[in-house]
Protein backbone atom coordinates (compact mmCIF):
# COMPACT_ATOMS: atom_id res chain seq x y z
CA UNK A 1 0.00 0.00 0.00
CA UNK A 2 2.72 2.33 0.81
CA UNK A 3 4.13 1.74 -2.60
CA UNK A 4 0.72 2.16 -4.16
CA UNK A 5 0.27 5.48 -2.45
CA UNK A 6 3.70 6.47 -3.42
CA UNK A 7 3.01 5.48 -6.98
CA UNK A 8 -0.24 7.43 -6.95
CA UNK A 9 1.57 10.50 -5.63
CA UNK A 10 4.23 10.23 -8.33
CA UNK A 11 1.57 9.73 -11.00
CA UNK A 12 -0.30 12.73 -9.65
CA UNK A 13 2.88 14.81 -9.61
CA UNK A 14 3.63 13.64 -13.14
CA UNK A 15 0.06 14.49 -14.21
CA UNK A 16 0.39 17.94 -12.64
CA UNK A 17 3.76 18.37 -14.40
CA UNK A 18 2.23 17.32 -17.71
CA UNK A 19 -0.68 19.64 -17.08
CA UNK A 20 1.79 22.44 -16.26
CA UNK A 21 3.71 21.70 -19.41
CA UNK A 22 0.50 21.68 -21.44
CA UNK A 23 -0.51 25.03 -19.95
CA UNK A 24 3.04 26.37 -20.61
CA UNK A 25 3.00 25.12 -24.21
CA UNK A 26 -0.49 26.61 -24.64
CA UNK A 27 0.72 29.98 -23.28
CA UNK A 28 3.81 29.84 -25.49
CA UNK A 29 1.56 29.02 -28.46
CA UNK A 30 -0.69 31.99 -27.71
CA UNK A 31 2.33 34.28 -27.33
CA UNK A 32 3.82 33.01 -30.58
CA UNK A 33 0.43 33.44 -32.28
CA UNK A 34 0.17 37.01 -30.98
CA UNK A 35 3.76 37.74 -32.03
CA UNK A 36 3.07 36.21 -35.45
CA UNK A 37 -0.06 38.34 -35.83
CA UNK A 38 1.92 41.43 -34.86
CA UNK A 39 4.69 40.45 -37.26
CA UNK A 40 2.18 39.88 -40.07
CA UNK A 41 0.59 43.23 -39.26
CA UNK A 42 4.00 44.96 -39.13
CA UNK A 43 5.06 43.18 -42.30
CA UNK A 44 1.98 44.53 -44.03
CA UNK A 45 2.71 48.05 -42.81
CA UNK A 46 6.36 47.71 -43.81
CA UNK A 47 5.31 46.43 -47.23
CA UNK A 48 2.99 49.41 -47.66
CA UNK A 49 5.71 51.83 -46.58
CA UNK A 50 8.35 50.08 -48.71
CA UNK A 51 5.91 50.13 -51.62
CA UNK A 52 5.32 53.87 -51.10
CA UNK A 53 9.05 54.54 -50.78
CA UNK A 54 9.73 52.40 -53.86
CA UNK A 55 7.11 54.32 -55.84
CA UNK A 56 8.63 57.61 -54.67
CA UNK A 57 12.09 56.40 -55.63
CA UNK A 58 10.81 55.32 -59.05
CA UNK A 59 9.18 58.74 -59.54
CA UNK A 60 12.35 60.43 -58.32
CA UNK A 61 14.41 58.31 -60.70
CA UNK A 62 12.06 59.27 -63.54
CA UNK A 63 12.46 62.90 -62.53
CA UNK A 64 16.25 62.68 -62.33
CA UNK A 65 16.69 60.63 -65.47
CA UNK A 66 16.42 63.66 -67.82
CA UNK A 67 18.62 65.63 -65.44
CA UNK A 68 21.13 62.78 -65.51
CA UNK A 69 21.03 62.76 -69.30
CA UNK A 70 21.56 66.52 -69.31
CA UNK A 71 24.40 66.12 -66.82
CA UNK A 72 25.97 63.49 -69.07
CA UNK A 73 25.71 65.89 -72.01
CA UNK A 74 27.11 68.72 -69.89
CA UNK A 75 29.91 66.44 -68.69
CA UNK A 76 30.73 65.43 -72.27
CA UNK A 77 30.73 69.12 -73.29
CA UNK A 78 32.92 70.00 -70.31
CA UNK A 79 35.39 67.28 -71.30
CA UNK A 80 35.37 68.53 -74.87
CA UNK A 81 35.86 72.14 -73.74
CA UNK A 82 38.64 71.07 -71.38
CA UNK A 83 40.43 69.24 -74.20
CA UNK A 84 39.97 72.23 -76.52
CA UNK A 85 41.21 74.66 -73.87
CA UNK A 86 44.19 72.41 -73.13
CA UNK A 87 45.04 72.22 -76.84
CA UNK A 88 44.65 76.00 -77.25
CA UNK A 89 46.75 76.62 -74.16
CA UNK A 90 49.48 74.34 -75.48
CA UNK A 91 49.34 76.18 -78.84
CA UNK A 92 49.48 79.53 -77.05
CA UNK A 93 52.37 78.33 -74.88
CA UNK A 94 54.25 77.15 -77.97
CA UNK A 95 53.52 80.45 -79.76
CA UNK A 96 54.55 82.56 -76.76
CA UNK A 97 57.68 80.46 -76.28
CA UNK A 98 58.66 81.01 -79.90
CA UNK A 99 57.78 84.69 -79.71
CA UNK A 100 59.86 85.13 -76.55
CA UNK A 101 62.82 83.40 -78.20
CA UNK A 102 62.49 85.62 -81.28
CA UNK A 103 62.14 88.70 -79.06
CA UNK A 104 65.24 87.70 -77.09
CA UNK A 105 67.14 87.24 -80.33
CA UNK A 106 66.01 90.67 -81.53
CA UNK A 107 66.93 92.27 -78.19
CA UNK A 108 70.37 90.63 -78.35
CA UNK A 109 70.75 91.77 -81.95
CA UNK A 110 69.70 95.30 -81.00
CA UNK A 111 72.07 95.25 -78.02
CA UNK A 112 74.96 94.16 -80.27
CA UNK A 113 74.00 96.79 -82.83
CA UNK A 114 73.91 99.54 -80.19
CA UNK A 115 77.21 98.40 -78.69
CA UNK A 116 78.84 98.31 -82.13
CA UNK A 117 77.36 101.71 -83.02
CA UNK A 118 78.63 103.17 -79.74
CA UNK A 119 82.11 101.80 -80.40
CA UNK A 120 82.07 103.18 -83.93
CA UNK A 121 80.88 106.61 -82.72
CA UNK A 122 83.64 106.68 -80.12
CA UNK A 123 86.18 105.61 -82.73
CA UNK A 124 84.88 108.26 -85.15
CA UNK A 125 85.00 110.93 -82.42
CA UNK A 126 88.58 109.96 -81.62
CA UNK A 127 89.56 110.06 -85.28
CA UNK A 128 87.86 113.45 -85.72
CA UNK A 129 89.65 114.67 -82.62
CA UNK A 130 93.03 113.42 -83.85
CA UNK A 131 92.58 114.06 -87.55
CA UNK A 132 90.64 117.34 -87.70
CA UNK A 133 90.32 119.13 -84.36
CA UNK A 134 93.91 118.63 -83.19
CA UNK A 135 95.39 120.00 -86.45
CA UNK A 136 92.92 122.92 -86.38
CA UNK A 137 93.98 123.70 -82.81
CA UNK A 138 97.62 123.52 -83.86
CA UNK A 139 96.99 125.81 -86.86
CA UNK A 140 95.04 128.21 -84.63
CA UNK A 141 97.88 128.24 -82.10
CA UNK A 142 100.39 128.79 -84.91
CA UNK A 143 98.36 131.71 -86.29
CA UNK A 144 98.06 133.23 -82.79
CA UNK A 145 101.80 132.83 -82.35
CA UNK A 146 102.49 134.47 -85.73
CA UNK A 147 100.18 137.36 -84.89
CA UNK A 148 101.86 137.82 -81.53
CA UNK A 149 105.27 137.68 -83.20
CA UNK A 150 104.28 140.14 -85.94
CA UNK A 151 102.68 142.44 -83.37
CA UNK A 152 105.82 142.31 -81.28
CA UNK A 153 107.97 143.07 -84.30
CA UNK A 154 105.83 146.00 -85.29
CA UNK A 155 105.74 147.32 -81.77
CA UNK A 156 109.58 147.43 -81.75
CA UNK A 157 109.82 149.00 -85.13
CA UNK A 158 111.93 152.19 -84.95
CA UNK A 159 109.21 154.63 -85.96
CA UNK A 160 106.59 153.18 -83.69
CA UNK A 161 106.73 154.68 -80.18
CA UNK A 162 103.34 153.52 -79.08
CA UNK A 163 103.57 151.06 -76.36
CA UNK A 164 100.72 148.93 -75.41
CA UNK A 165 99.62 148.84 -71.85
CA UNK A 166 99.99 145.46 -70.19
CA UNK A 167 97.00 143.17 -70.31
CA UNK A 168 94.67 143.45 -67.38
CA UNK A 169 95.26 139.78 -66.55
CA UNK A 170 98.96 140.45 -66.09
CA UNK A 171 98.30 143.14 -63.50
CA UNK A 172 96.27 140.74 -61.40
CA UNK A 173 99.16 138.32 -61.06
CA UNK A 174 101.86 140.91 -60.23
């Protein structure tokens, strides 16, 4: 009997445990059902919102597509202009480089011409000085000397008693 009672108690405890498990599984099922319903509901809302966002993105893409095409055309034009400007700049650089070289050559040529002209003018001035002005000065000095000599001779001539007064410069130095 003791073993029968003990067996009955264990069976009762096992039945209560099974009943507890059944209630637990039932509660878990209800919670999972509620969570699934909420997930289905949220999934529907998310689908609606994603659908709305997708439609807006499609409309936005349709709106930006012509702008994108225009931007591609503008980009192609910008690349073309950039290449043209680069080519023109290279041409201008080449032209200016050549022009600067020619200008430098002309400046050097002009500098050499001016230096040569200056040397020739100095040489000509020296030759004029030696060949023309120096002989003229010598002839002028000779003529002055002859005049002074003739004047001195005539002033000593026996019939000429007129004496000249000394030059004013001579009086200053006496």
